[in-house]
């Protein structure tokens, strides 16, 4: 799985403003089923779902979601304490 920085870069470089679920799954390194599960639980990127159509993702919304994931991960990362020097 790629890092969040790589995922953000890939989404920014995506040629269209609307990303299909399969395309986003490939960018995020997850299956369509996992992305669908996240969509149902509302834990993944916000999807645009129109009646009778397949869901798609707005590039700007995905970028906002990825940035929020990066900030959330930064809050949960424990600070690194250097080893104390022997005295």
PDB file of N, CA and C in Angstrom:
ATOM      1  N   UNK A   1       0.837  -1.180   0.000  1.00  0.00           N
ATOM      2  CA  UNK A   1       0.000   0.000   0.000  1.00  0.00           C
ATOM      3  C   UNK A   1       0.883   1.243   0.000  1.00  0.00           C
ATOM      4  N   UNK A   2       0.481   2.220  -0.750  1.00  0.00           N
ATOM      5  CA  UNK A   2       1.274   3.435  -0.851  1.00  0.00           C
ATOM      6  C   UNK A   2       1.014   4.351   0.345  1.00  0.00           C
ATOM      7  N   UNK A   3       1.888   5.307   0.522  1.00  0.00           N
ATOM      8  CA  UNK A   3       1.732   6.239   1.632  1.00  0.00           C
ATOM      9  C   UNK A   3       0.655   7.266   1.295  1.00  0.00           C
ATOM     10  N   UNK A   4       0.197   7.967   2.317  1.00  0.00           N
ATOM     11  CA  UNK A   4      -0.807   9.002   2.090  1.00  0.00           C
ATOM     12  C   UNK A   4      -0.279  10.085   1.161  1.00  0.00           C
ATOM     13  N   UNK A   5       1.004  10.418   1.271  1.00  0.00           N
ATOM     14  CA  UNK A   5       1.581  11.422   0.379  1.00  0.00           C
ATOM     15  C   UNK A   5       1.494  10.974  -1.073  1.00  0.00           C
ATOM     16  N   UNK A   6       1.800   9.695  -1.326  1.00  0.00           N
ATOM     17  CA  UNK A   6       1.707   9.161  -2.689  1.00  0.00           C
ATOM     18  C   UNK A   6       0.268   9.163  -3.183  1.00  0.00           C
ATOM     19  N   UNK A   7      -0.661   8.831  -2.307  1.00  0.00           N
ATOM     20  CA  UNK A   7      -2.066   8.809  -2.687  1.00  0.00           C
ATOM     21  C   UNK A   7      -2.557  10.216  -3.027  1.00  0.00           C
ATOM     22  N   UNK A   8      -2.176  11.196  -2.218  1.00  0.00           N
ATOM     23  CA  UNK A   8      -2.566  12.584  -2.486  1.00  0.00           C
ATOM     24  C   UNK A   8      -2.001  13.035  -3.816  1.00  0.00           C
ATOM     25  N   UNK A   9      -0.759  12.717  -4.074  1.00  0.00           N
ATOM     26  CA  UNK A   9      -0.126  13.093  -5.341  1.00  0.00           C
ATOM     27  C   UNK A   9      -0.856  12.448  -6.526  1.00  0.00           C
ATOM     28  N   UNK A  10      -1.209  11.176  -6.395  1.00  0.00           N
ATOM     29  CA  UNK A  10      -1.912  10.476  -7.472  1.00  0.00           C
ATOM     30  C   UNK A  10      -3.290  11.077  -7.730  1.00  0.00           C
ATOM     31  N   UNK A  11      -3.996  11.440  -6.672  1.00  0.00           N
ATOM     32  CA  UNK A  11      -5.330  12.031  -6.839  1.00  0.00           C
ATOM     33  C   UNK A  11      -5.202  13.413  -7.477  1.00  0.00           C
ATOM     34  N   UNK A  12      -4.224  14.193  -7.049  1.00  0.00           N
ATOM     35  CA  UNK A  12      -4.022  15.524  -7.646  1.00  0.00           C
ATOM     36  C   UNK A  12      -3.723  15.432  -9.138  1.00  0.00           C
ATOM     37  N   UNK A  13      -2.985  14.404  -9.540  1.00  0.00           N
ATOM     38  CA  UNK A  13      -2.603  14.252 -10.943  1.00  0.00           C
ATOM     39  C   UNK A  13      -3.674  13.549 -11.772  1.00  0.00           C
ATOM     40  N   UNK A  14      -4.745  13.100 -11.140  1.00  0.00           N
ATOM     41  CA  UNK A  14      -5.785  12.388 -11.882  1.00  0.00           C
ATOM     42  C   UNK A  14      -6.387  13.335 -12.913  1.00  0.00           C
ATOM     43  N   UNK A  15      -6.576  12.873 -14.153  1.00  0.00           N
ATOM     44  CA  UNK A  15      -6.972  13.785 -15.232  1.00  0.00           C
ATOM     45  C   UNK A  15      -8.398  14.325 -15.159  1.00  0.00           C
ATOM     46  N   UNK A  16      -9.310  13.646 -14.459  1.00  0.00           N
ATOM     47  CA  UNK A  16     -10.697  14.110 -14.403  1.00  0.00           C
ATOM     48  C   UNK A  16     -11.059  14.520 -12.981  1.00  0.00           C
ATOM     49  N   UNK A  17     -12.086  15.360 -12.878  1.00  0.00           N
ATOM     50  CA  UNK A  17     -12.560  15.784 -11.560  1.00  0.00           C
ATOM     51  C   UNK A  17     -13.407  14.705 -10.909  1.00  0.00           C
ATOM     52  N   UNK A  18     -13.950  13.781 -11.705  1.00  0.00           N
ATOM     53  CA  UNK A  18     -14.774  12.696 -11.180  1.00  0.00           C
ATOM     54  C   UNK A  18     -14.003  11.385 -11.306  1.00  0.00           C
ATOM     55  N   UNK A  19     -13.872  10.677 -10.204  1.00  0.00           N
ATOM     56  CA  UNK A  19     -13.094   9.440 -10.169  1.00  0.00           C
ATOM     57  C   UNK A  19     -14.050   8.275  -9.942  1.00  0.00           C
ATOM     58  N   UNK A  20     -13.966   7.274 -10.806  1.00  0.00           N
ATOM     59  CA  UNK A  20     -14.785   6.075 -10.642  1.00  0.00           C
ATOM     60  C   UNK A  20     -14.263   5.271  -9.452  1.00  0.00           C
ATOM     61  N   UNK A  21     -15.151   4.436  -8.902  1.00  0.00           N
ATOM     62  CA  UNK A  21     -14.795   3.653  -7.721  1.00  0.00           C
ATOM     63  C   UNK A  21     -13.598   2.736  -7.999  1.00  0.00           C
ATOM     64  N   UNK A  22     -13.568   2.087  -9.158  1.00  0.00           N
ATOM     65  CA  UNK A  22     -12.444   1.195  -9.476  1.00  0.00           C
ATOM     66  C   UNK A  22     -11.137   1.979  -9.549  1.00  0.00           C
ATOM     67  N   UNK A  23     -11.189   3.180 -10.129  1.00  0.00           N
ATOM     68  CA  UNK A  23      -9.985   3.998 -10.255  1.00  0.00           C
ATOM     69  C   UNK A  23      -9.492   4.448  -8.885  1.00  0.00           C
ATOM     70  N   UNK A  24     -10.418   4.863  -8.028  1.00  0.00           N
ATOM     71  CA  UNK A  24     -10.021   5.303  -6.687  1.00  0.00           C
ATOM     72  C   UNK A  24      -9.485   4.135  -5.871  1.00  0.00           C
ATOM     73  N   UNK A  25     -10.112   2.976  -6.017  1.00  0.00           N
ATOM     74  CA  UNK A  25      -9.613   1.791  -5.324  1.00  0.00           C
ATOM     75  C   UNK A  25      -8.184   1.486  -5.717  1.00  0.00           C
ATOM     76  N   UNK A  26      -7.875   1.624  -7.013  1.00  0.00           N
ATOM     77  CA  UNK A  26      -6.509   1.377  -7.481  1.00  0.00           C
ATOM     78  C   UNK A  26      -5.538   2.403  -6.888  1.00  0.00           C
ATOM     79  N   UNK A  27      -5.953   3.649  -6.808  1.00  0.00           N
ATOM     80  CA  UNK A  27      -5.098   4.702  -6.247  1.00  0.00           C
ATOM     81  C   UNK A  27      -4.835   4.446  -4.764  1.00  0.00           C
ATOM     82  N   UNK A  28      -5.891   4.062  -4.037  1.00  0.00           N
ATOM     83  CA  UNK A  28      -5.761   3.859  -2.594  1.00  0.00           C
ATOM     84  C   UNK A  28      -5.187   2.488  -2.244  1.00  0.00           C
ATOM     85  N   UNK A  29      -5.140   1.601  -3.219  1.00  0.00           N
ATOM     86  CA  UNK A  29      -4.600   0.267  -2.963  1.00  0.00           C
ATOM     87  C   UNK A  29      -5.560  -0.637  -2.215  1.00  0.00           C
ATOM     88  N   UNK A  30      -6.873  -0.439  -2.433  1.00  0.00           N
ATOM     89  CA  UNK A  30      -7.878  -1.281  -1.794  1.00  0.00           C
ATOM     90  C   UNK A  30      -8.831  -1.813  -2.859  1.00  0.00           C
ATOM     91  N   UNK A  31      -9.567  -2.857  -2.525  1.00  0.00           N
ATOM     92  CA  UNK A  31     -10.490  -3.463  -3.483  1.00  0.00           C
ATOM     93  C   UNK A  31     -11.772  -2.636  -3.597  1.00  0.00           C
ATOM     94  N   UNK A  32     -12.533  -2.934  -4.658  1.00  0.00           N
ATOM     95  CA  UNK A  32     -13.828  -2.274  -4.826  1.00  0.00           C
ATOM     96  C   UNK A  32     -14.761  -2.605  -3.666  1.00  0.00           C
ATOM     97  N   UNK A  33     -14.680  -3.852  -3.196  1.00  0.00           N
ATOM     98  CA  UNK A  33     -15.531  -4.270  -2.077  1.00  0.00           C
ATOM     99  C   UNK A  33     -15.200  -3.483  -0.809  1.00  0.00           C
ATOM    100  N   UNK A  34     -13.922  -3.281  -0.545  1.00  0.00           N
ATOM    101  CA  UNK A  34     -13.515  -2.516   0.638  1.00  0.00           C
ATOM    102  C   UNK A  34     -13.968  -1.065   0.530  1.00  0.00           C
ATOM    103  N   UNK A  35     -13.849  -0.503  -0.656  1.00  0.00           N
ATOM    104  CA  UNK A  35     -14.285   0.879  -0.867  1.00  0.00           C
ATOM    105  C   UNK A  35     -15.805   0.977  -0.706  1.00  0.00           C
ATOM    106  N   UNK A  36     -16.531  -0.020  -1.215  1.00  0.00           N
ATOM    107  CA  UNK A  36     -17.982  -0.040  -1.052  1.00  0.00           C
ATOM    108  C   UNK A  36     -18.384  -0.167   0.406  1.00  0.00           C
ATOM    109  N   UNK A  37     -17.658  -0.987   1.150  1.00  0.00           N
ATOM    110  CA  UNK A  37     -17.926  -1.134   2.578  1.00  0.00           C
ATOM    111  C   UNK A  37     -17.684   0.179   3.320  1.00  0.00           C
ATOM    112  N   UNK A  38     -16.597   0.857   2.966  1.00  0.00           N
ATOM    113  CA  UNK A  38     -16.313   2.158   3.582  1.00  0.00           C
ATOM    114  C   UNK A  38     -17.403   3.169   3.232  1.00  0.00           C
ATOM    115  N   UNK A  39     -17.905   3.084   2.010  1.00  0.00           N
ATOM    116  CA  UNK A  39     -18.964   4.003   1.580  1.00  0.00           C
ATOM    117  C   UNK A  39     -20.225   3.754   2.407  1.00  0.00           C
ATOM    118  N   UNK A  40     -20.588   2.497   2.618  1.00  0.00           N
ATOM    119  CA  UNK A  40     -21.779   2.177   3.398  1.00  0.00           C
ATOM    120  C   UNK A  40     -21.638   2.579   4.859  1.00  0.00           C
ATOM    121  N   UNK A  41     -20.447   2.400   5.416  1.00  0.00           N
ATOM    122  CA  UNK A  41     -20.211   2.756   6.823  1.00  0.00           C
ATOM    123  C   UNK A  41     -19.884   4.241   6.991  1.00  0.00           C
ATOM    124  N   UNK A  42     -19.726   4.931   5.867  1.00  0.00           N
ATOM    125  CA  UNK A  42     -19.369   6.359   5.850  1.00  0.00           C
ATOM    126  C   UNK A  42     -18.043   6.641   6.546  1.00  0.00           C
ATOM    127  N   UNK A  43     -17.096   5.728   6.336  1.00  0.00           N
ATOM    128  CA  UNK A  43     -15.763   5.922   6.895  1.00  0.00           C
ATOM    129  C   UNK A  43     -14.745   6.249   5.811  1.00  0.00           C
ATOM    130  N   UNK A  44     -15.121   6.092   4.571  1.00  0.00           N
ATOM    131  CA  UNK A  44     -14.213   6.352   3.452  1.00  0.00           C
ATOM    132  C   UNK A  44     -14.449   7.729   2.866  1.00  0.00           C
ATOM    133  N   UNK A  45     -13.847   7.973   1.717  1.00  0.00           N
ATOM    134  CA  UNK A  45     -14.049   9.267   1.069  1.00  0.00           C
ATOM    135  C   UNK A  45     -15.517   9.439   0.682  1.00  0.00           C
ATOM    136  N   UNK A  46     -16.029  10.661   0.740  1.00  0.00           N
ATOM    137  CA  UNK A  46     -17.439  10.888   0.415  1.00  0.00           C
ATOM    138  C   UNK A  46     -17.712  10.618  -1.062  1.00  0.00           C
ATOM    139  N   UNK A  47     -18.756   9.835  -1.319  1.00  0.00           N
ATOM    140  CA  UNK A  47     -19.108   9.467  -2.686  1.00  0.00           C
ATOM    141  C   UNK A  47     -20.327  10.259  -3.147  1.00  0.00           C
ATOM    142  N   UNK A  48     -20.419  10.431  -4.448  1.00  0.00           N
ATOM    143  CA  UNK A  48     -21.597  11.015  -5.063  1.00  0.00           C
ATOM    144  C   UNK A  48     -22.379   9.840  -5.641  1.00  0.00           C
ATOM    145  N   UNK A  49     -23.590   9.642  -5.133  1.00  0.00           N
ATOM    146  CA  UNK A  49     -24.407   8.521  -5.577  1.00  0.00           C
ATOM    147  C   UNK A  49     -25.713   9.086  -6.132  1.00  0.00           C
ATOM    148  N   UNK A  50     -25.921   8.842  -7.420  1.00  0.00           N
ATOM    149  CA  UNK A  50     -27.166   9.272  -8.048  1.00  0.00           C
ATOM    150  C   UNK A  50     -28.024   8.049  -8.295  1.00  0.00           C
ATOM    151  N   UNK A  51     -29.320   8.213  -8.195  1.00  0.00           N
ATOM    152  CA  UNK A  51     -30.222   7.084  -8.369  1.00  0.00           C
ATOM    153  C   UNK A  51     -30.036   6.463  -9.759  1.00  0.00           C
ATOM    154  N   UNK A  52     -29.798   5.174  -9.783  1.00  0.00           N
ATOM    155  CA  UNK A  52     -29.632   4.465 -11.040  1.00  0.00           C
ATOM    156  C   UNK A  52     -28.245   4.561 -11.641  1.00  0.00           C
ATOM    157  N   UNK A  53     -27.331   5.212 -10.963  1.00  0.00           N
ATOM    158  CA  UNK A  53     -25.966   5.380 -11.486  1.00  0.00           C
ATOM    159  C   UNK A  53     -24.956   4.769 -10.516  1.00  0.00           C
ATOM    160  N   UNK A  54     -23.792   4.500 -11.029  1.00  0.00           N
ATOM    161  CA  UNK A  54     -22.713   4.020 -10.176  1.00  0.00           C
ATOM    162  C   UNK A  54     -22.129   5.187  -9.393  1.00  0.00           C
ATOM    163  N   UNK A  55     -21.675   4.914  -8.188  1.00  0.00           N
ATOM    164  CA  UNK A  55     -21.085   5.997  -7.401  1.00  0.00           C
ATOM    165  C   UNK A  55     -19.765   6.456  -8.008  1.00  0.00           C
ATOM    166  N   UNK A  56     -19.476   7.717  -7.809  1.00  0.00           N
ATOM    167  CA  UNK A  56     -18.184   8.256  -8.191  1.00  0.00           C
ATOM    168  C   UNK A  56     -17.718   9.192  -7.083  1.00  0.00           C
ATOM    169  N   UNK A  57     -16.470   9.602  -7.176  1.00  0.00           N
ATOM    170  CA  UNK A  57     -15.856  10.429  -6.137  1.00  0.00           C
ATOM    171  C   UNK A  57     -15.336  11.713  -6.753  1.00  0.00           C
ATOM    172  N   UNK A  58     -15.639  12.821  -6.109  1.00  0.00           N
ATOM    173  CA  UNK A  58     -15.144  14.120  -6.545  1.00  0.00           C
ATOM    174  C   UNK A  58     -13.692  14.260  -6.095  1.00  0.00           C
ATOM    175  N   UNK A  59     -12.808  14.605  -7.025  1.00  0.00           N
ATOM    176  CA  UNK A  59     -11.381  14.688  -6.727  1.00  0.00           C
ATOM    177  C   UNK A  59     -11.101  15.623  -5.556  1.00  0.00           C
ATOM    178  N   UNK A  60     -11.746  16.786  -5.511  1.00  0.00           N
ATOM    179  CA  UNK A  60     -11.503  17.745  -4.426  1.00  0.00           C
ATOM    180  C   UNK A  60     -11.922  17.170  -3.075  1.00  0.00           C
ATOM    181  N   UNK A  61     -13.050  16.458  -3.037  1.00  0.00           N
ATOM    182  CA  UNK A  61     -13.516  15.856  -1.788  1.00  0.00           C
ATOM    183  C   UNK A  61     -12.585  14.742  -1.321  1.00  0.00           C
ATOM    184  N   UNK A  62     -12.060  13.970  -2.265  1.00  0.00           N
ATOM    185  CA  UNK A  62     -11.119  12.907  -1.915  1.00  0.00           C
ATOM    186  C   UNK A  62      -9.847  13.511  -1.329  1.00  0.00           C
ATOM    187  N   UNK A  63      -9.376  14.607  -1.910  1.00  0.00           N
ATOM    188  CA  UNK A  63      -8.172  15.266  -1.388  1.00  0.00           C
ATOM    189  C   UNK A  63      -8.397  15.769   0.037  1.00  0.00           C
ATOM    190  N   UNK A  64      -9.569  16.338   0.282  1.00  0.00           N
ATOM    191  CA  UNK A  64      -9.896  16.813   1.631  1.00  0.00           C
ATOM    192  C   UNK A  64      -9.924  15.633   2.600  1.00  0.00           C
ATOM    193  N   UNK A  65     -10.525  14.527   2.190  1.00  0.00           N
ATOM    194  CA  UNK A  65     -10.596  13.334   3.039  1.00  0.00           C
ATOM    195  C   UNK A  65      -9.199  12.778   3.321  1.00  0.00           C
ATOM    196  N   UNK A  66      -8.353  12.695   2.292  1.00  0.00           N
ATOM    197  CA  UNK A  66      -6.994  12.181   2.486  1.00  0.00           C
ATOM    198  C   UNK A  66      -6.191  13.079   3.425  1.00  0.00           C
ATOM    199  N   UNK A  67      -6.360  14.403   3.280  1.00  0.00           N
ATOM    200  CA  UNK A  67      -5.658  15.335   4.168  1.00  0.00           C
ATOM    201  C   UNK A  67      -6.115  15.140   5.610  1.00  0.00           C
ATOM    202  N   UNK A  68      -7.413  14.920   5.807  1.00  0.00           N
ATOM    203  CA  UNK A  68      -7.935  14.675   7.156  1.00  0.00           C
ATOM    204  C   UNK A  68      -7.355  13.377   7.726  1.00  0.00           C
ATOM    205  N   UNK A  69      -7.187  12.357   6.878  1.00  0.00           N
ATOM    206  CA  UNK A  69      -6.590  11.104   7.329  1.00  0.00           C
ATOM    207  C   UNK A  69      -5.147  11.321   7.768  1.00  0.00           C
ATOM    208  N   UNK A  70      -4.437  12.153   7.024  1.00  0.00           N
ATOM    209  CA  UNK A  70      -3.045  12.438   7.361  1.00  0.00           C
ATOM    210  C   UNK A  70      -2.964  13.162   8.708  1.00  0.00           C
ATOM    211  N   UNK A  71      -3.848  14.131   8.917  1.00  0.00           N
ATOM    212  CA  UNK A  71      -3.850  14.870  10.187  1.00  0.00           C
ATOM    213  C   UNK A  71      -4.247  13.962  11.343  1.00  0.00           C
ATOM    214  N   UNK A  72      -5.229  13.080  11.116  1.00  0.00           N
ATOM    215  CA  UNK A  72      -5.648  12.151  12.161  1.00  0.00           C
ATOM    216  C   UNK A  72      -4.516  11.211  12.534  1.00  0.00           C
ATOM    217  N   UNK A  73      -3.808  10.704  11.528  1.00  0.00           N
ATOM    218  CA  UNK A  73      -2.684   9.809  11.795  1.00  0.00           C
ATOM    219  C   UNK A  73      -1.565  10.526  12.550  1.00  0.00           C
ATOM    220  N   UNK A  74      -1.354  11.799  12.245  1.00  0.00           N
ATOM    221  CA  UNK A  74      -0.304  12.564  12.920  1.00  0.00           C
ATOM    222  C   UNK A  74      -0.629  12.733  14.404  1.00  0.00           C
ATOM    223  N   UNK A  75      -1.906  12.885  14.729  1.00  0.00           N
ATOM    224  CA  UNK A  75      -2.294  13.030  16.140  1.00  0.00           C
ATOM    225  C   UNK A  75      -2.072  11.743  16.917  1.00  0.00           C
ATOM    226  N   UNK A  76      -2.192  10.603  16.244  1.00  0.00           N
ATOM    227  CA  UNK A  76      -2.072   9.316  16.918  1.00  0.00           C
ATOM    228  C   UNK A  76      -0.661   8.764  16.914  1.00  0.00           C
ATOM    229  N   UNK A  77       0.239   9.401  16.218  1.00  0.00           N
ATOM    230  CA  UNK A  77       1.622   8.934  16.180  1.00  0.00           C
ATOM    231  C   UNK A  77       2.308   9.348  17.474  1.00  0.00           C
ATOM    232  N   UNK A  78       2.828   8.401  18.222  1.00  0.00           N
ATOM    233  CA  UNK A  78       3.489   8.769  19.472  1.00  0.00           C
ATOM    234  C   UNK A  78       4.781   9.532  19.190  1.00  0.00           C
ATOM    235  N   UNK A  79       5.100  10.491  20.035  1.00  0.00           N
ATOM    236  CA  UNK A  79       6.348  11.231  19.834  1.00  0.00           C
ATOM    237  C   UNK A  79       7.555  10.312  20.013  1.00  0.00           C
ATOM    238  N   UNK A  80       8.579  10.590  19.248  1.00  0.00           N
ATOM    239  CA  UNK A  80       9.799   9.786  19.328  1.00  0.00           C
ATOM    240  C   UNK A  80      10.734  10.444  20.323  1.00  0.00           C
ATOM    241  N   UNK A  81      11.068   9.706  21.372  1.00  0.00           N
ATOM    242  CA  UNK A  81      12.005  10.212  22.366  1.00  0.00           C
ATOM    243  C   UNK A  81      13.372   9.602  22.088  1.00  0.00           C
ATOM    244  N   UNK A  82      14.372  10.438  21.976  1.00  0.00           N
ATOM    245  CA  UNK A  82      15.721   9.871  21.752  1.00  0.00           C
ATOM    246  C   UNK A  82      16.166   9.081  22.969  1.00  0.00           C
ATOM    247  N   UNK A  83      16.985   8.104  22.722  1.00  0.00           N
ATOM    248  CA  UNK A  83      17.524   7.313  23.828  1.00  0.00           C
ATOM    249  C   UNK A  83      18.381   8.217  24.713  1.00  0.00           C
ATOM    250  N   UNK A  84      18.217   8.080  26.019  1.00  0.00           N
ATOM    251  CA  UNK A  84      19.028   8.913  26.910  1.00  0.00           C
ATOM    252  C   UNK A  84      20.517   8.500  26.786  1.00  0.00           C
ATOM    253  N   UNK A  85      21.334   9.472  26.842  1.00  0.00           N
ATOM    254  CA  UNK A  85      22.777   9.211  26.768  1.00  0.00           C
ATOM    255  C   UNK A  85      23.248   8.573  28.053  1.00  0.00           C
ATOM    256  N   UNK A  86      24.165   7.601  27.941  1.00  0.00           N
ATOM    257  CA  UNK A  86      24.698   7.034  29.185  1.00  0.00           C
ATOM    258  C   UNK A  86      25.540   8.084  29.919  1.00  0.00           C
ATOM    259  N   UNK A  87      25.361   8.154  31.188  1.00  0.00           N
ATOM    260  CA  UNK A  87      26.082   9.178  31.956  1.00  0.00           C
ATOM    261  C   UNK A  87      27.194   8.596  32.763  1.00  0.00           C
TER     262      UNK A  87
END
